[in-house]
Each structure stands twice: as structure tokens, then as C-alpha cells.
Amino acid sequence: MKKVEIYTDGACSGNPGPGGWGTILIYNGHEKEMSGGEAQTTNNRMELTAVIKGLAALKEPCDVTITTDSKYICDAINQGWLDKWVSNNWRKADKKPVLNVDLWEQLLALLGKHKTSFVWVKGHNDHPQNERCDKLAVSEYLKIQ
């Protein structure tokens, strides 16, 4: 399997409000930047979209390390919340409905195609790729405002 690094970030002006996402894929020394935005969204939706778009860009199953500043995503995957939500018919431990089910379902389908690991980094803390992803995401929502 090819080893790919994916860096992601999402941003929102207001929550909800105009939002953007940024993704950087790195394979064998080559980089690809991707970004996009939505007029009315939330930060968590943009964070999820960044991961989904990065994984969806892969043309074959890969061994992927995804680095994000989203505790929402990292904890959902690494602490097993996502599996519990699915087994509880998209309900959280407090019985409230899970938000963003449409995106979580898309992500689950992509996770089934790849070997993935999720790494959390603190946002706005001089991590070079995270800072670049943030700039991509912000530039996208600024186009919309």
C-alpha cells in the first residue's frame, strides 16, 4: 500500500456561517492542495469535509495518516465514539442525535477503503501543514462573504 499523509483543516466565519476547508495530500515527496467552501455551514462540517475530500481524492487503497486539529474528528475515531454512534443508531451516549450524520456516513465509507490513522495537532500552533490548511480554508470562506 502507498503511504500517504493528509493534513486537513476547516474554518467558519460565524458558526453557522460561511465556511471553508483545506486539505494537503503528500505522497512520495509530491504535494497536492485542495480547498472549497460553503455559504452556510459549521466549523465541524468543514473539518469533516476536509478529511472526506482528502480521502476521496485517493485512487486506490492507501495507508493514510490524517493529521487534523479537530478533536471532534480525532476523538470520534480514536476513542471509538463513531463505532458506538453507529451501533446506537446515530445516538450519542446521552441519547441525543449525532450531528452531521450525512458526513460521518461518507467518511465511514471512505475509511473502509483505506488503512487510516488519525493524529491530532493543536491548531494555530505553528504546525506548517496545519497553518497552510487553515489559510486555504479561510481563503475559501472569504470568497463567499
C-alpha atoms as a PDB file:
ATOM      1  CA  MET A   1       0.000   0.000   0.000  1.00  0.00           C
ATOM      2  CA  LYS A   2       1.151   3.501  -0.792  1.00  0.00           C
ATOM      3  CA  LYS A   3       1.806   5.616   2.302  1.00  0.00           C
ATOM      4  CA  VAL A   4       0.020   8.956   2.092  1.00  0.00           C
ATOM      5  CA  GLU A   5      -0.112  11.849   4.527  1.00  0.00           C
ATOM      6  CA  ILE A   6      -3.228  14.015   4.605  1.00  0.00           C
ATOM      7  CA  TYR A   7      -3.400  17.287   6.530  1.00  0.00           C
ATOM      8  CA  THR A   8      -6.769  18.958   6.988  1.00  0.00           C
ATOM      9  CA  ASP A   9      -8.480  21.965   8.492  1.00  0.00           C
ATOM     10  CA  GLY A  10     -11.877  23.591   8.420  1.00  0.00           C
ATOM     11  CA  ALA A  11     -12.855  27.154   9.239  1.00  0.00           C
ATOM     12  CA  CYS A  12     -16.064  29.078   9.625  1.00  0.00           C
ATOM     13  CA  SER A  13     -16.928  32.777   9.941  1.00  0.00           C
ATOM     14  CA  GLY A  14     -19.688  32.524  12.469  1.00  0.00           C
ATOM     15  CA  ASN A  15     -20.892  29.098  13.442  1.00  0.00           C
ATOM     16  CA  PRO A  16     -23.027  28.632  11.403  1.00  0.00           C
ATOM     17  CA  GLY A  17     -21.891  30.910   8.621  1.00  0.00           C
ATOM     18  CA  PRO A  18     -19.701  30.903   5.548  1.00  0.00           C
ATOM     19  CA  GLY A  19     -17.101  28.170   5.814  1.00  0.00           C
ATOM     20  CA  GLY A  20     -14.103  26.706   4.083  1.00  0.00           C
ATOM     21  CA  TRP A  21     -11.936  23.621   4.180  1.00  0.00           C
ATOM     22  CA  GLY A  22      -8.352  22.940   3.189  1.00  0.00           C
ATOM     23  CA  THR A  23      -6.523  19.677   2.581  1.00  0.00           C
ATOM     24  CA  ILE A  24      -2.942  18.818   1.690  1.00  0.00           C
ATOM     25  CA  LEU A  25      -2.058  15.356   0.381  1.00  0.00           C
ATOM     26  CA  ILE A  26       1.574  14.254   0.396  1.00  0.00           C
ATOM     27  CA  TYR A  27       2.816  11.142  -1.375  1.00  0.00           C
ATOM     28  CA  ASN A  28       6.394  10.311  -2.283  1.00  0.00           C
ATOM     29  CA  GLY A  29       7.521  13.938  -1.988  1.00  0.00           C
ATOM     30  CA  HIS A  30       4.656  15.295  -4.102  1.00  0.00           C
ATOM     31  CA  GLU A  31       2.028  17.607  -2.638  1.00  0.00           C
ATOM     32  CA  LYS A  32      -1.491  18.415  -3.728  1.00  0.00           C
ATOM     33  CA  GLU A  33      -3.559  21.208  -2.174  1.00  0.00           C
ATOM     34  CA  MET A  34      -7.347  21.146  -2.295  1.00  0.00           C
ATOM     35  CA  SER A  35      -9.937  23.521  -0.866  1.00  0.00           C
ATOM     36  CA  GLY A  36     -13.546  24.531  -1.088  1.00  0.00           C
ATOM     37  CA  GLY A  37     -16.286  26.324   0.770  1.00  0.00           C
ATOM     38  CA  GLU A  38     -19.972  26.591   1.544  1.00  0.00           C
ATOM     39  CA  ALA A  39     -22.140  29.637   2.105  1.00  0.00           C
ATOM     40  CA  GLN A  40     -23.938  28.332   5.205  1.00  0.00           C
ATOM     41  CA  THR A  41     -22.230  25.669   7.309  1.00  0.00           C
ATOM     42  CA  THR A  42     -20.495  24.934  10.606  1.00  0.00           C
ATOM     43  CA  ASN A  43     -16.874  24.504  11.590  1.00  0.00           C
ATOM     44  CA  ASN A  44     -17.355  20.792  12.326  1.00  0.00           C
ATOM     45  CA  ARG A  45     -18.904  20.224   8.904  1.00  0.00           C
ATOM     46  CA  MET A  46     -15.913  21.899   7.265  1.00  0.00           C
ATOM     47  CA  GLU A  47     -13.482  19.829   9.347  1.00  0.00           C
ATOM     48  CA  LEU A  48     -15.246  16.626   8.249  1.00  0.00           C
ATOM     49  CA  THR A  49     -15.444  17.764   4.633  1.00  0.00           C
ATOM     50  CA  ALA A  50     -11.686  18.375   4.548  1.00  0.00           C
ATOM     51  CA  VAL A  51     -10.997  14.778   5.632  1.00  0.00           C
ATOM     52  CA  ILE A  52     -13.613  13.362   3.243  1.00  0.00           C
ATOM     53  CA  LYS A  53     -12.255  15.299   0.256  1.00  0.00           C
ATOM     54  CA  GLY A  54      -8.699  14.207   1.037  1.00  0.00           C
ATOM     55  CA  LEU A  55      -9.598  10.524   1.272  1.00  0.00           C
ATOM     56  CA  ALA A  56     -11.904  10.712  -1.758  1.00  0.00           C
ATOM     57  CA  ALA A  57      -9.011  12.029  -3.866  1.00  0.00           C
ATOM     58  CA  LEU A  58      -7.097   8.751  -3.429  1.00  0.00           C
ATOM     59  CA  LYS A  59      -7.484   6.498  -6.468  1.00  0.00           C
ATOM     60  CA  GLU A  60      -6.581   3.221  -4.728  1.00  0.00           C
ATOM     61  CA  PRO A  61      -6.476   1.832  -1.186  1.00  0.00           C
ATOM     62  CA  CYS A  62      -3.665   3.500   0.757  1.00  0.00           C
ATOM     63  CA  ASP A  63      -2.051   3.554   4.190  1.00  0.00           C
ATOM     64  CA  VAL A  64      -3.054   7.050   5.284  1.00  0.00           C
ATOM     65  CA  THR A  65      -2.046   9.205   8.229  1.00  0.00           C
ATOM     66  CA  ILE A  66      -4.550  12.025   8.674  1.00  0.00           C
ATOM     67  CA  THR A  67      -3.381  14.970  10.739  1.00  0.00           C
ATOM     68  CA  THR A  68      -6.039  17.405  11.913  1.00  0.00           C
ATOM     69  CA  ASP A  69      -6.613  19.968  14.639  1.00  0.00           C
ATOM     70  CA  SER A  70     -10.168  18.695  15.084  1.00  0.00           C
ATOM     71  CA  LYS A  71     -10.627  16.951  18.434  1.00  0.00           C
ATOM     72  CA  TYR A  72     -14.175  16.248  17.251  1.00  0.00           C
ATOM     73  CA  ILE A  73     -12.892  14.002  14.468  1.00  0.00           C
ATOM     74  CA  CYS A  74      -9.870  12.511  16.247  1.00  0.00           C
ATOM     75  CA  ASP A  75     -11.820  11.613  19.361  1.00  0.00           C
ATOM     76  CA  ALA A  76     -14.729  10.195  17.367  1.00  0.00           C
ATOM     77  CA  ILE A  77     -12.335   7.848  15.565  1.00  0.00           C
ATOM     78  CA  ASN A  78      -9.607   7.167  18.130  1.00  0.00           C
ATOM     79  CA  GLN A  79     -11.877   6.837  21.165  1.00  0.00           C
ATOM     80  CA  GLY A  80     -14.420   4.658  19.387  1.00  0.00           C
ATOM     81  CA  TRP A  81     -17.279   7.150  19.534  1.00  0.00           C
ATOM     82  CA  LEU A  82     -18.082   6.691  15.845  1.00  0.00           C
ATOM     83  CA  ASP A  83     -18.497   2.930  16.212  1.00  0.00           C
ATOM     84  CA  LYS A  84     -20.754   3.469  19.241  1.00  0.00           C
ATOM     85  CA  TRP A  85     -22.835   6.060  17.397  1.00  0.00           C
ATOM     86  CA  VAL A  86     -23.406   3.642  14.532  1.00  0.00           C
ATOM     87  CA  SER A  87     -24.331   0.767  16.849  1.00  0.00           C
ATOM     88  CA  ASN A  88     -26.714   3.100  18.740  1.00  0.00           C
ATOM     89  CA  ASN A  89     -28.489   4.147  15.527  1.00  0.00           C
ATOM     90  CA  TRP A  90     -26.700   7.510  15.412  1.00  0.00           C
ATOM     91  CA  ARG A  91     -27.363   8.401  19.038  1.00  0.00           C
ATOM     92  CA  LYS A  92     -24.707   9.652  21.449  1.00  0.00           C
ATOM     93  CA  ALA A  93     -24.214   8.296  24.959  1.00  0.00           C
ATOM     94  CA  ASP A  94     -26.609  10.978  26.248  1.00  0.00           C
ATOM     95  CA  LYS A  95     -29.243   9.638  23.755  1.00  0.00           C
ATOM     96  CA  LYS A  96     -29.161  12.880  21.751  1.00  0.00           C
ATOM     97  CA  PRO A  97     -28.849  12.521  17.976  1.00  0.00           C
ATOM     98  CA  VAL A  98     -25.397  12.719  16.419  1.00  0.00           C
ATOM     99  CA  LEU A  99     -24.892  15.810  14.271  1.00  0.00           C
ATOM    100  CA  ASN A 100     -23.554  15.665  10.717  1.00  0.00           C
ATOM    101  CA  VAL A 101     -24.634  12.048  10.141  1.00  0.00           C
ATOM    102  CA  ASP A 102     -24.543  12.572   6.359  1.00  0.00           C
ATOM    103  CA  LEU A 103     -20.841  13.420   6.523  1.00  0.00           C
ATOM    104  CA  TRP A 104     -19.991  10.721   9.057  1.00  0.00           C
ATOM    105  CA  GLU A 105     -21.585   8.165   6.715  1.00  0.00           C
ATOM    106  CA  GLN A 106     -19.468   9.415   3.813  1.00  0.00           C
ATOM    107  CA  LEU A 107     -16.362   9.243   5.992  1.00  0.00           C
ATOM    108  CA  LEU A 108     -17.189   5.712   7.162  1.00  0.00           C
ATOM    109  CA  ALA A 109     -17.429   4.516   3.557  1.00  0.00           C
ATOM    110  CA  LEU A 110     -14.009   6.000   2.782  1.00  0.00           C
ATOM    111  CA  LEU A 111     -12.432   4.620   5.959  1.00  0.00           C
ATOM    112  CA  GLY A 112     -13.481   1.160   4.797  1.00  0.00           C
ATOM    113  CA  LYS A 113     -11.301   1.551   1.688  1.00  0.00           C
ATOM    114  CA  HIS A 114      -8.070   2.607   3.377  1.00  0.00           C
ATOM    115  CA  LYS A 115      -5.861   1.815   6.344  1.00  0.00           C
ATOM    116  CA  THR A 116      -6.060   5.018   8.361  1.00  0.00           C
ATOM    117  CA  SER A 117      -4.665   6.566  11.489  1.00  0.00           C
ATOM    118  CA  PHE A 118      -5.699   9.931  12.900  1.00  0.00           C
ATOM    119  CA  VAL A 119      -3.282  12.310  14.598  1.00  0.00           C
ATOM    120  CA  TRP A 120      -4.373  15.423  16.474  1.00  0.00           C
ATOM    121  CA  VAL A 121      -2.303  18.615  16.465  1.00  0.00           C
ATOM    122  CA  LYS A 122      -3.076  21.802  18.312  1.00  0.00           C
ATOM    123  CA  GLY A 123      -4.438  24.400  15.900  1.00  0.00           C
ATOM    124  CA  HIS A 124      -2.726  27.761  15.361  1.00  0.00           C
ATOM    125  CA  ASN A 125       0.441  26.398  16.929  1.00  0.00           C
ATOM    126  CA  ASP A 126       2.954  26.797  14.077  1.00  0.00           C
ATOM    127  CA  HIS A 127       2.463  23.323  12.601  1.00  0.00           C
ATOM    128  CA  PRO A 128       3.423  24.128   8.963  1.00  0.00           C
ATOM    129  CA  GLN A 129       0.867  21.978   7.150  1.00  0.00           C
ATOM    130  CA  ASN A 130      -1.927  22.799   9.603  1.00  0.00           C
ATOM    131  CA  GLU A 131      -1.238  26.507   9.138  1.00  0.00           C
ATOM    132  CA  ARG A 132      -1.333  26.066   5.342  1.00  0.00           C
ATOM    133  CA  CYS A 133      -4.632  24.177   5.557  1.00  0.00           C
ATOM    134  CA  ASP A 134      -6.065  26.920   7.748  1.00  0.00           C
ATOM    135  CA  LYS A 135      -5.047  29.565   5.180  1.00  0.00           C
ATOM    136  CA  LEU A 136      -6.696  27.527   2.417  1.00  0.00           C
ATOM    137  CA  ALA A 137      -9.899  27.170   4.459  1.00  0.00           C
ATOM    138  CA  VAL A 138     -10.048  30.845   5.433  1.00  0.00           C
ATOM    139  CA  SER A 139      -9.393  31.989   1.862  1.00  0.00           C
ATOM    140  CA  GLU A 140     -12.366  29.896   0.730  1.00  0.00           C
ATOM    141  CA  TYR A 141     -14.868  31.407   3.152  1.00  0.00           C
ATOM    142  CA  LEU A 142     -13.575  34.901   2.432  1.00  0.00           C
ATOM    143  CA  LYS A 143     -14.530  34.368  -1.225  1.00  0.00           C
ATOM    144  CA  ILE A 144     -18.112  33.696  -0.095  1.00  0.00           C
ATOM    145  CA  GLN A 145     -18.609  36.545   2.381  1.00  0.00           C
END
